[in-house]
Amino acid sequence: MRWLDDILRAFSILEGKAYYKELYREIGKMRGYPLSPGEKADVRKEIERHSSDSKIWQKAKNKRPDLFYSLGGIRSGYWARRPL
């Protein structure tokens, strides 16, 4: 499964908002193992790649869907899924 699919599913389970720590735990449950530091970085990167709140999304030439937003400021690690 792709990271984005797992992240969207985790947000759904967590009622649309979560700290990274909660996302890591939920995605780890889905995958059947605790996430490594590198995998946790992949989760953060995917969220930032799909959020207009992040510099990564803003710099992209081909903008990805704007799926997530920061609830406590970009450095808080607290994110939510945008309503569909």
N, C-alpha and C. Protein backbone atom coordinates (compact mmCIF):
# COMPACT_ATOMS: atom_id res chain seq x y z
N MET A 1 0.82 -1.19 0.00
CA MET A 1 0.00 0.00 0.00
C MET A 1 0.86 1.25 0.00
N ARG A 2 0.36 2.28 -0.59
CA ARG A 2 1.08 3.55 -0.62
C ARG A 2 0.92 4.26 0.72
N TRP A 3 1.93 5.08 1.04
CA TRP A 3 1.87 5.85 2.28
C TRP A 3 0.62 6.71 2.34
N LEU A 4 0.31 7.38 1.24
CA LEU A 4 -0.85 8.28 1.24
C LEU A 4 -2.13 7.52 1.57
N ASP A 5 -2.30 6.33 1.02
CA ASP A 5 -3.49 5.53 1.32
C ASP A 5 -3.57 5.22 2.81
N ASP A 6 -2.44 4.81 3.39
CA ASP A 6 -2.41 4.50 4.82
C ASP A 6 -2.68 5.74 5.67
N ILE A 7 -2.14 6.87 5.27
CA ILE A 7 -2.34 8.12 6.01
C ILE A 7 -3.82 8.52 5.98
N LEU A 8 -4.43 8.45 4.82
CA LEU A 8 -5.85 8.80 4.71
C LEU A 8 -6.71 7.86 5.55
N ARG A 9 -6.38 6.59 5.52
CA ARG A 9 -7.12 5.61 6.32
C ARG A 9 -6.94 5.89 7.82
N ALA A 10 -5.70 6.20 8.23
CA ALA A 10 -5.44 6.50 9.64
C ALA A 10 -6.22 7.74 10.08
N PHE A 11 -6.24 8.77 9.25
CA PHE A 11 -7.02 9.96 9.59
C PHE A 11 -8.51 9.62 9.74
N SER A 12 -8.99 8.76 8.90
CA SER A 12 -10.39 8.34 8.99
C SER A 12 -10.66 7.64 10.32
N ILE A 13 -9.78 6.75 10.72
CA ILE A 13 -9.92 6.03 11.99
C ILE A 13 -9.82 7.01 13.17
N LEU A 14 -8.95 8.00 13.04
CA LEU A 14 -8.70 8.97 14.12
C LEU A 14 -9.63 10.18 14.05
N GLU A 15 -10.73 10.06 13.34
CA GLU A 15 -11.76 11.08 13.23
C GLU A 15 -11.29 12.39 12.62
N GLY A 16 -10.33 12.28 11.68
CA GLY A 16 -9.97 13.43 10.87
C GLY A 16 -8.85 14.31 11.36
N LYS A 17 -8.37 14.09 12.59
CA LYS A 17 -7.27 14.91 13.08
C LYS A 17 -6.39 14.09 14.01
N ALA A 18 -5.09 14.42 14.01
CA ALA A 18 -4.16 13.63 14.83
C ALA A 18 -2.80 14.29 14.87
N TYR A 19 -2.09 14.00 15.95
CA TYR A 19 -0.67 14.32 16.03
C TYR A 19 0.10 13.24 15.29
N TYR A 20 1.30 13.58 14.84
CA TYR A 20 2.12 12.59 14.14
C TYR A 20 2.23 11.30 14.95
N LYS A 21 2.46 11.42 16.24
CA LYS A 21 2.63 10.25 17.11
C LYS A 21 1.44 9.29 16.98
N GLU A 22 0.24 9.84 16.93
CA GLU A 22 -0.96 9.03 16.79
C GLU A 22 -1.03 8.39 15.40
N LEU A 23 -0.65 9.16 14.39
CA LEU A 23 -0.64 8.62 13.03
C LEU A 23 0.35 7.47 12.91
N TYR A 24 1.56 7.66 13.45
CA TYR A 24 2.57 6.59 13.39
C TYR A 24 2.03 5.31 14.02
N ARG A 25 1.40 5.45 15.18
CA ARG A 25 0.87 4.29 15.90
C ARG A 25 -0.21 3.59 15.07
N GLU A 26 -1.13 4.38 14.50
CA GLU A 26 -2.24 3.80 13.74
C GLU A 26 -1.75 3.14 12.45
N ILE A 27 -0.84 3.79 11.76
CA ILE A 27 -0.29 3.21 10.53
C ILE A 27 0.51 1.95 10.86
N GLY A 28 1.23 1.98 11.96
CA GLY A 28 1.95 0.79 12.40
C GLY A 28 1.01 -0.38 12.66
N LYS A 29 -0.14 -0.11 13.27
CA LYS A 29 -1.14 -1.16 13.49
C LYS A 29 -1.61 -1.74 12.16
N MET A 30 -1.87 -0.84 11.20
CA MET A 30 -2.36 -1.30 9.89
C MET A 30 -1.32 -2.16 9.18
N ARG A 31 -0.06 -1.77 9.31
CA ARG A 31 1.02 -2.48 8.62
C ARG A 31 1.54 -3.68 9.41
N GLY A 32 1.20 -3.74 10.69
CA GLY A 32 1.60 -4.88 11.50
C GLY A 32 2.98 -4.79 12.12
N TYR A 33 3.54 -3.59 12.16
CA TYR A 33 4.85 -3.39 12.78
C TYR A 33 5.03 -1.92 13.12
N PRO A 34 5.86 -1.61 14.14
CA PRO A 34 6.13 -0.19 14.45
C PRO A 34 6.95 0.46 13.33
N LEU A 35 6.64 1.69 13.03
CA LEU A 35 7.35 2.39 11.96
C LEU A 35 8.77 2.75 12.39
N SER A 36 9.68 2.62 11.45
CA SER A 36 11.07 3.02 11.68
C SER A 36 11.17 4.54 11.59
N PRO A 37 12.28 5.12 12.05
CA PRO A 37 12.45 6.57 11.90
C PRO A 37 12.34 7.03 10.43
N GLY A 38 12.85 6.25 9.51
CA GLY A 38 12.75 6.60 8.10
C GLY A 38 11.33 6.56 7.58
N GLU A 39 10.56 5.59 8.05
CA GLU A 39 9.16 5.50 7.65
C GLU A 39 8.34 6.64 8.25
N LYS A 40 8.67 7.04 9.46
CA LYS A 40 8.00 8.19 10.07
C LYS A 40 8.28 9.45 9.26
N ALA A 41 9.51 9.58 8.77
CA ALA A 41 9.86 10.72 7.91
C ALA A 41 9.06 10.67 6.61
N ASP A 42 8.84 9.47 6.08
CA ASP A 42 8.03 9.32 4.86
C ASP A 42 6.60 9.80 5.10
N VAL A 43 6.04 9.48 6.26
CA VAL A 43 4.68 9.92 6.60
C VAL A 43 4.63 11.45 6.64
N ARG A 44 5.59 12.06 7.34
CA ARG A 44 5.61 13.53 7.42
C ARG A 44 5.74 14.15 6.04
N LYS A 45 6.60 13.58 5.23
CA LYS A 45 6.82 14.12 3.88
C LYS A 45 5.54 14.04 3.04
N GLU A 46 4.85 12.91 3.11
CA GLU A 46 3.61 12.77 2.34
C GLU A 46 2.56 13.77 2.78
N ILE A 47 2.44 13.99 4.07
CA ILE A 47 1.47 14.97 4.56
C ILE A 47 1.84 16.35 4.05
N GLU A 48 3.10 16.71 4.16
CA GLU A 48 3.54 18.04 3.71
C GLU A 48 3.43 18.19 2.20
N ARG A 49 3.63 17.11 1.47
CA ARG A 49 3.49 17.16 0.00
C ARG A 49 2.05 17.40 -0.41
N HIS A 50 1.12 17.13 0.50
CA HIS A 50 -0.30 17.27 0.20
C HIS A 50 -0.98 18.30 1.10
N SER A 51 -0.22 19.34 1.48
CA SER A 51 -0.79 20.41 2.30
C SER A 51 -0.30 21.77 1.84
N SER A 52 -1.23 22.67 1.55
CA SER A 52 -0.84 24.02 1.14
C SER A 52 -0.23 24.80 2.30
N ASP A 53 -0.30 24.27 3.52
CA ASP A 53 0.34 24.91 4.67
C ASP A 53 1.86 24.73 4.64
N SER A 54 2.35 23.78 3.85
CA SER A 54 3.78 23.47 3.87
C SER A 54 4.54 24.15 2.73
N LYS A 55 5.81 24.36 2.95
CA LYS A 55 6.67 24.94 1.92
C LYS A 55 6.87 23.97 0.76
N ILE A 56 6.91 22.68 1.05
CA ILE A 56 7.08 21.67 -0.01
C ILE A 56 5.96 21.80 -1.04
N TRP A 57 4.72 21.89 -0.58
CA TRP A 57 3.57 21.99 -1.48
C TRP A 57 3.64 23.30 -2.26
N GLN A 58 3.98 24.38 -1.60
CA GLN A 58 4.01 25.69 -2.24
C GLN A 58 5.08 25.79 -3.31
N LYS A 59 6.18 25.05 -3.15
CA LYS A 59 7.27 25.10 -4.12
C LYS A 59 7.04 24.20 -5.33
N ALA A 60 6.14 23.24 -5.21
CA ALA A 60 5.92 22.27 -6.29
C ALA A 60 5.33 22.94 -7.52
N LYS A 61 5.86 22.59 -8.68
CA LYS A 61 5.33 23.13 -9.93
C LYS A 61 3.97 22.50 -10.25
N ASN A 62 3.89 21.19 -10.12
CA ASN A 62 2.64 20.47 -10.33
C ASN A 62 2.03 20.22 -8.96
N LYS A 63 1.17 21.08 -8.55
CA LYS A 63 0.61 21.00 -7.21
C LYS A 63 -0.21 19.71 -7.05
N ARG A 64 0.01 19.07 -5.92
CA ARG A 64 -0.76 17.89 -5.57
C ARG A 64 -2.06 18.34 -4.90
N PRO A 65 -3.00 17.41 -4.72
CA PRO A 65 -4.23 17.79 -4.01
C PRO A 65 -3.90 18.31 -2.61
N ASP A 66 -4.65 19.29 -2.19
CA ASP A 66 -4.47 19.91 -0.88
C ASP A 66 -5.35 19.16 0.12
N LEU A 67 -4.82 18.07 0.70
CA LEU A 67 -5.61 17.15 1.50
C LEU A 67 -5.58 17.41 3.00
N PHE A 68 -4.51 18.07 3.49
CA PHE A 68 -4.32 18.21 4.93
C PHE A 68 -4.07 19.67 5.31
N TYR A 69 -4.35 20.00 6.56
CA TYR A 69 -4.01 21.32 7.07
C TYR A 69 -3.51 21.20 8.49
N SER A 70 -2.68 22.14 8.86
CA SER A 70 -2.09 22.16 10.19
C SER A 70 -3.07 22.77 11.19
N LEU A 71 -3.21 22.13 12.33
CA LEU A 71 -4.12 22.63 13.36
C LEU A 71 -3.42 23.52 14.39
N GLY A 72 -2.11 23.37 14.52
CA GLY A 72 -1.42 24.14 15.55
C GLY A 72 -0.19 24.84 15.02
N GLY A 73 -0.14 25.08 13.73
CA GLY A 73 1.05 25.64 13.12
C GLY A 73 1.90 24.50 12.57
N ILE A 74 2.60 24.77 11.52
CA ILE A 74 3.33 23.74 10.77
C ILE A 74 4.28 22.92 11.64
N ARG A 75 4.86 23.50 12.66
CA ARG A 75 5.81 22.78 13.50
C ARG A 75 5.17 22.04 14.68
N SER A 76 3.87 22.15 14.82
CA SER A 76 3.19 21.52 15.95
C SER A 76 3.06 20.00 15.79
N GLY A 77 3.05 19.53 14.54
CA GLY A 77 2.84 18.10 14.30
C GLY A 77 1.40 17.68 14.49
N TYR A 78 0.48 18.64 14.49
CA TYR A 78 -0.93 18.37 14.67
C TYR A 78 -1.64 18.69 13.36
N TRP A 79 -2.21 17.67 12.72
CA TRP A 79 -2.76 17.80 11.38
C TRP A 79 -4.20 17.33 11.32
N ALA A 80 -4.90 17.80 10.30
CA ALA A 80 -6.26 17.35 10.04
C ALA A 80 -6.46 17.10 8.55
N ARG A 81 -7.43 16.27 8.26
CA ARG A 81 -7.80 15.98 6.88
C ARG A 81 -8.79 17.05 6.46
N ARG A 82 -8.57 17.65 5.30
CA ARG A 82 -9.53 18.64 4.79
C ARG A 82 -10.84 17.94 4.45
N PRO A 83 -11.96 18.61 4.70
CA PRO A 83 -13.26 18.02 4.31
C PRO A 83 -13.31 17.84 2.80
N LEU A 84 -13.97 16.80 2.40
CA LEU A 84 -14.12 16.54 0.96
C LEU A 84 -15.16 17.42 0.35
